[in-house]
Amino acid sequence: MNVWITVKSLGKRKPVLAKQAAELPETTHTLRQLIENMVAVQVKAHQDKKQQAELFAYLMPDDIGAQGAVGKVGFGAVYNEGVPDLEVAMETAITAYEDGLYKVFLNDEELQELDESLVVKDGDNVVFIRFTMLAGRLW
């Protein structure tokens, strides 16, 4: 099934990841499965991006304009040569959710329990809101 994914970060006006379609398996029946499936989609996209590296990267004026509108102009290079471990990435995402580093909304309704059953239909909107950690000094 296809769902629309948006990733937002608290404190930023524009979404980190604008509304994009993602293909999820029909077996997505809990928040835990939704998070794990999204991690699997992102790890696969990362691996595909590494395999499509170009020898001579260049940007066309249209590309520069489109990336400038988003706020960052770059070649999209992946500098990390390591291959992410899918199981570790899934465990990390679940732990981050349990620690309150992000919230998940399905069609404007907050999902709270990891193992509570939910119904994800084709065309639903899923929003991930990341919370930003503040760093600073006392004085």
Protein backbone atom coordinates (compact mmCIF):
# COMPACT_ATOMS: atom_id res chain seq x y z
CA MET A 1 0.00 0.00 0.00
CA ASN A 2 1.16 3.55 -0.66
CA VAL A 3 1.12 6.13 2.14
CA TRP A 4 2.26 9.75 2.24
CA ILE A 5 5.16 10.42 4.61
CA THR A 6 6.13 13.82 6.05
CA VAL A 7 9.00 14.39 8.48
CA LYS A 8 8.91 17.59 10.50
CA SER A 9 11.33 18.97 13.04
CA LEU A 10 10.16 21.08 15.95
CA GLY A 11 11.37 24.64 15.62
CA LYS A 12 11.58 24.62 11.82
CA ARG A 13 8.92 26.07 9.59
CA LYS A 14 9.57 23.86 6.58
CA PRO A 15 9.35 20.07 6.81
CA VAL A 16 12.63 18.17 6.81
CA LEU A 17 11.14 15.72 4.33
CA ALA A 18 8.23 17.07 2.31
CA LYS A 19 5.28 14.84 1.56
CA GLN A 20 6.61 11.77 -0.25
CA ALA A 21 5.00 8.49 -1.19
CA ALA A 22 6.27 5.32 0.46
CA GLU A 23 5.37 1.72 -0.24
CA LEU A 24 4.51 -0.24 2.92
CA PRO A 25 3.65 -3.93 3.15
CA GLU A 26 0.05 -4.91 3.83
CA THR A 27 1.19 -6.46 7.15
CA THR A 28 1.54 -3.07 8.86
CA HIS A 29 -0.89 -3.46 11.79
CA THR A 30 0.93 -1.81 14.73
CA LEU A 31 3.02 1.29 15.31
CA ARG A 32 6.06 -0.92 15.88
CA GLN A 33 5.60 -2.51 12.43
CA LEU A 34 5.03 0.93 10.88
CA ILE A 35 8.32 2.24 12.31
CA GLU A 36 10.22 -0.91 11.33
CA ASN A 37 8.84 -0.82 7.79
CA MET A 38 9.75 2.87 7.42
CA VAL A 39 13.29 2.11 8.62
CA ALA A 40 13.51 -0.70 6.05
CA VAL A 41 12.36 1.69 3.30
CA GLN A 42 14.95 4.31 4.33
CA VAL A 43 17.82 1.78 4.58
CA LYS A 44 16.96 0.45 1.12
CA ALA A 45 16.85 4.02 -0.28
CA HIS A 46 20.25 4.71 1.30
CA GLN A 47 21.75 1.59 -0.25
CA ASP A 48 20.24 2.41 -3.66
CA LYS A 49 21.63 5.95 -3.48
CA LYS A 50 25.12 4.62 -2.76
CA GLN A 51 24.94 2.31 -5.76
CA GLN A 52 23.91 5.12 -8.09
CA ALA A 53 26.94 7.29 -7.35
CA GLU A 54 28.14 9.21 -10.37
CA LEU A 55 31.74 9.62 -11.42
CA PHE A 56 31.28 13.21 -12.56
CA ALA A 57 28.63 14.98 -10.55
CA TYR A 58 27.23 18.24 -11.81
CA LEU A 59 24.17 20.37 -11.17
CA MET A 60 21.98 21.95 -13.79
CA PRO A 61 20.56 25.44 -13.14
CA ASP A 62 17.11 23.94 -12.51
CA ASP A 63 18.59 21.59 -9.90
CA ILE A 64 20.33 24.49 -8.16
CA GLY A 65 17.09 26.48 -8.09
CA ALA A 66 15.04 23.58 -6.73
CA GLN A 67 17.59 22.72 -4.05
CA GLY A 68 18.01 26.40 -3.16
CA ALA A 69 14.26 26.65 -2.52
CA VAL A 70 14.56 23.80 -0.02
CA GLY A 71 17.52 25.47 1.68
CA LYS A 72 20.54 23.35 0.76
CA VAL A 73 22.37 22.96 -2.51
CA GLY A 74 24.57 19.89 -2.81
CA PHE A 75 25.47 16.93 -4.94
CA GLY A 76 23.69 14.40 -2.73
CA ALA A 77 26.86 12.42 -2.16
CA VAL A 78 26.87 9.73 0.51
CA TYR A 79 30.21 9.90 2.30
CA ASN A 80 29.61 7.14 4.82
CA GLU A 81 30.97 3.96 3.26
CA GLY A 82 29.44 1.69 5.90
CA VAL A 83 26.41 -0.45 5.15
CA PRO A 84 23.69 0.04 7.78
CA ASP A 85 22.55 -3.05 9.64
CA LEU A 86 18.77 -3.24 9.23
CA GLU A 87 18.08 -4.98 12.56
CA VAL A 88 20.20 -2.50 14.53
CA ALA A 89 18.57 0.43 12.74
CA MET A 90 15.09 -0.90 13.59
CA GLU A 91 16.02 -1.39 17.25
CA THR A 92 17.48 2.12 17.38
CA ALA A 93 14.33 3.65 15.88
CA ILE A 94 12.10 1.82 18.38
CA THR A 95 14.33 2.88 21.30
CA ALA A 96 14.27 6.49 20.07
CA TYR A 97 10.46 6.39 19.98
CA GLU A 98 10.31 4.91 23.48
CA ASP A 99 12.69 7.64 24.68
CA GLY A 100 10.40 10.33 23.25
CA LEU A 101 12.72 11.65 20.54
CA TYR A 102 9.90 11.72 17.98
CA LYS A 103 6.13 11.33 17.68
CA VAL A 104 4.11 9.62 14.97
CA PHE A 105 0.74 10.77 13.64
CA LEU A 106 -1.59 8.85 11.33
CA ASN A 107 -4.14 11.13 9.64
CA ASP A 108 -3.77 13.82 12.36
CA GLU A 109 -4.18 11.30 15.20
CA GLU A 110 -1.21 10.66 17.48
CA LEU A 111 -0.12 7.03 17.75
CA GLN A 112 1.10 6.26 21.25
CA GLU A 113 1.26 2.53 21.98
CA LEU A 114 3.81 0.51 20.01
CA ASP A 115 1.82 -2.72 19.98
CA GLU A 116 -1.72 -1.35 19.77
CA SER A 117 -3.46 -2.39 16.57
CA LEU A 118 -4.05 0.23 13.91
CA VAL A 119 -5.48 0.35 10.43
CA VAL A 120 -3.28 1.85 7.73
CA LYS A 121 -5.07 2.33 4.43
CA ASP A 122 -3.81 3.22 0.99
CA GLY A 123 -3.29 7.00 0.71
CA ASP A 124 -3.08 7.69 4.46
CA ASN A 125 -0.88 10.50 5.77
CA VAL A 126 1.87 9.58 8.23
CA VAL A 127 3.76 12.38 9.96
CA PHE A 128 6.93 11.95 12.00
CA ILE A 129 7.78 14.91 14.25
CA ARG A 130 11.38 14.98 15.49
CA PHE A 131 12.15 16.83 18.70
CA THR A 132 15.33 18.88 18.68
CA MET A 133 17.76 18.52 21.53
CA LEU A 134 18.91 21.82 22.92
CA ALA A 135 22.54 22.23 23.86
CA GLY A 136 24.18 25.12 25.56
CA ARG A 137 25.85 26.32 28.67
CA LEU A 138 24.57 27.48 31.96
CA TRP A 139 26.01 31.00 31.69
